[in-house]
């Protein structure tokens, strides 16, 4: 029950490392367009049920 939720804007532009950091630190992310280029990371997001 946090007052603030960390929901970074990652995955639209930039490198794949932004999505890795978002996976490790955030409850959900704002975008995820670059996940199509990293199928293993996409599967991890699916397994962990990280919302986009």
N, C-alpha and C. Protein backbone atom coordinates (compact mmCIF):
# COMPACT_ATOMS: atom_id res chain seq x y z
N UNK A 1 0.83 -1.18 0.00
CA UNK A 1 0.00 0.00 0.00
C UNK A 1 0.87 1.25 0.00
N UNK A 2 1.63 1.44 -1.06
CA UNK A 2 2.45 2.64 -1.19
C UNK A 2 1.61 3.79 -1.72
N UNK A 3 1.97 4.99 -1.33
CA UNK A 3 1.30 6.17 -1.86
C UNK A 3 1.70 6.41 -3.31
N UNK A 4 2.97 6.19 -3.61
CA UNK A 4 3.48 6.40 -4.96
C UNK A 4 3.90 5.06 -5.56
N UNK A 5 3.61 4.88 -6.83
CA UNK A 5 3.98 3.67 -7.55
C UNK A 5 5.01 4.05 -8.61
N UNK A 6 6.12 3.32 -8.65
CA UNK A 6 7.14 3.55 -9.66
C UNK A 6 6.68 2.93 -10.97
N UNK A 7 6.37 3.79 -11.94
CA UNK A 7 5.93 3.35 -13.26
C UNK A 7 6.73 4.12 -14.31
N UNK A 8 7.94 3.67 -14.60
CA UNK A 8 8.80 4.43 -15.52
C UNK A 8 8.32 4.35 -16.96
N UNK A 9 8.76 5.31 -17.73
CA UNK A 9 8.48 5.37 -19.16
C UNK A 9 9.65 4.71 -19.87
N UNK A 10 9.58 3.41 -20.06
CA UNK A 10 10.68 2.70 -20.72
C UNK A 10 10.12 1.75 -21.76
N UNK A 11 10.92 1.48 -22.77
CA UNK A 11 10.53 0.52 -23.77
C UNK A 11 10.03 1.09 -25.07
N UNK A 12 9.91 2.39 -25.17
CA UNK A 12 9.46 2.99 -26.44
C UNK A 12 10.66 3.34 -27.32
N UNK A 13 11.69 3.90 -26.73
CA UNK A 13 12.91 4.26 -27.45
C UNK A 13 14.08 4.02 -26.50
N UNK A 14 15.24 3.91 -27.04
CA UNK A 14 16.42 3.68 -26.21
C UNK A 14 16.90 2.24 -26.31
N UNK A 15 17.59 1.82 -25.29
CA UNK A 15 18.17 0.48 -25.33
C UNK A 15 17.33 -0.51 -24.53
N UNK A 16 17.65 -1.77 -24.69
CA UNK A 16 16.96 -2.85 -23.99
C UNK A 16 17.25 -2.79 -22.49
N UNK A 17 18.37 -2.19 -22.10
CA UNK A 17 18.71 -2.10 -20.68
C UNK A 17 17.66 -1.32 -19.89
N UNK A 18 16.96 -0.40 -20.52
CA UNK A 18 15.89 0.32 -19.84
C UNK A 18 14.78 -0.65 -19.43
N UNK A 19 14.47 -1.61 -20.29
CA UNK A 19 13.44 -2.59 -19.96
C UNK A 19 13.90 -3.55 -18.88
N UNK A 20 15.19 -3.89 -18.88
CA UNK A 20 15.73 -4.75 -17.83
C UNK A 20 15.65 -4.06 -16.48
N UNK A 21 16.01 -2.79 -16.44
CA UNK A 21 15.93 -2.02 -15.20
C UNK A 21 14.48 -1.87 -14.75
N UNK A 22 13.58 -1.65 -15.68
CA UNK A 22 12.17 -1.57 -15.33
C UNK A 22 11.64 -2.88 -14.79
N UNK A 23 12.12 -3.99 -15.33
CA UNK A 23 11.71 -5.30 -14.83
C UNK A 23 12.18 -5.53 -13.41
N UNK A 24 13.40 -5.09 -13.12
CA UNK A 24 13.96 -5.32 -11.79
C UNK A 24 13.40 -4.39 -10.72
N UNK A 25 13.06 -3.16 -11.09
CA UNK A 25 12.72 -2.15 -10.08
C UNK A 25 11.26 -1.73 -10.02
N UNK A 26 10.53 -1.85 -11.10
CA UNK A 26 9.20 -1.25 -11.15
C UNK A 26 8.09 -2.29 -11.00
N UNK A 27 6.94 -1.81 -10.58
CA UNK A 27 5.76 -2.66 -10.49
C UNK A 27 5.10 -2.82 -11.86
N UNK A 28 5.14 -1.77 -12.67
CA UNK A 28 4.67 -1.83 -14.04
C UNK A 28 5.36 -0.73 -14.84
N UNK A 29 5.26 -0.81 -16.17
CA UNK A 29 5.93 0.17 -17.02
C UNK A 29 4.91 0.83 -17.93
N UNK A 30 5.31 1.97 -18.50
CA UNK A 30 4.38 2.74 -19.33
C UNK A 30 4.32 2.23 -20.77
N UNK A 31 5.41 1.76 -21.32
CA UNK A 31 5.43 1.25 -22.69
C UNK A 31 6.19 -0.06 -22.70
N UNK A 32 6.24 -0.68 -23.82
CA UNK A 32 6.98 -1.92 -23.94
C UNK A 32 7.17 -2.34 -25.38
N UNK A 33 7.27 -1.36 -26.26
CA UNK A 33 7.36 -1.66 -27.69
C UNK A 33 8.64 -2.40 -28.05
N UNK A 34 9.72 -2.15 -27.31
CA UNK A 34 10.99 -2.81 -27.62
C UNK A 34 11.03 -4.26 -27.14
N UNK A 35 10.01 -4.70 -26.43
CA UNK A 35 9.99 -6.09 -25.98
C UNK A 35 9.90 -7.07 -27.15
N UNK A 36 9.37 -6.62 -28.28
CA UNK A 36 9.28 -7.51 -29.44
C UNK A 36 10.66 -7.88 -29.97
N UNK A 37 11.68 -7.08 -29.65
CA UNK A 37 13.04 -7.37 -30.09
C UNK A 37 13.79 -8.26 -29.10
N UNK A 38 13.21 -8.50 -27.93
CA UNK A 38 13.85 -9.32 -26.90
C UNK A 38 12.84 -10.35 -26.39
N UNK A 39 12.68 -11.47 -27.08
CA UNK A 39 11.65 -12.44 -26.70
C UNK A 39 11.87 -13.07 -25.32
N UNK A 40 13.12 -13.23 -24.89
CA UNK A 40 13.38 -13.79 -23.57
C UNK A 40 12.89 -12.83 -22.49
N UNK A 41 13.17 -11.56 -22.66
CA UNK A 41 12.71 -10.55 -21.71
C UNK A 41 11.18 -10.43 -21.74
N UNK A 42 10.61 -10.57 -22.91
CA UNK A 42 9.15 -10.54 -23.04
C UNK A 42 8.52 -11.70 -22.25
N UNK A 43 9.13 -12.86 -22.30
CA UNK A 43 8.63 -14.00 -21.55
C UNK A 43 8.78 -13.79 -20.04
N UNK A 44 9.87 -13.14 -19.61
CA UNK A 44 10.03 -12.83 -18.19
C UNK A 44 8.95 -11.85 -17.71
N UNK A 45 8.64 -10.85 -18.53
CA UNK A 45 7.57 -9.93 -18.17
C UNK A 45 6.24 -10.68 -18.06
N UNK A 46 6.02 -11.63 -18.95
CA UNK A 46 4.79 -12.43 -18.91
C UNK A 46 4.73 -13.29 -17.64
N UNK A 47 5.82 -13.95 -17.31
CA UNK A 47 5.84 -14.82 -16.13
C UNK A 47 5.67 -14.03 -14.83
N UNK A 48 6.27 -12.86 -14.76
CA UNK A 48 6.19 -12.05 -13.54
C UNK A 48 4.91 -11.21 -13.49
N UNK A 49 4.13 -11.22 -14.58
CA UNK A 49 2.90 -10.46 -14.67
C UNK A 49 3.13 -8.97 -14.41
N UNK A 50 4.16 -8.41 -15.04
CA UNK A 50 4.43 -6.97 -14.97
C UNK A 50 3.52 -6.28 -15.96
N UNK A 51 2.70 -5.39 -15.48
CA UNK A 51 1.70 -4.71 -16.33
C UNK A 51 2.35 -3.64 -17.19
N UNK A 52 1.76 -3.40 -18.35
CA UNK A 52 2.22 -2.35 -19.26
C UNK A 52 1.09 -1.41 -19.54
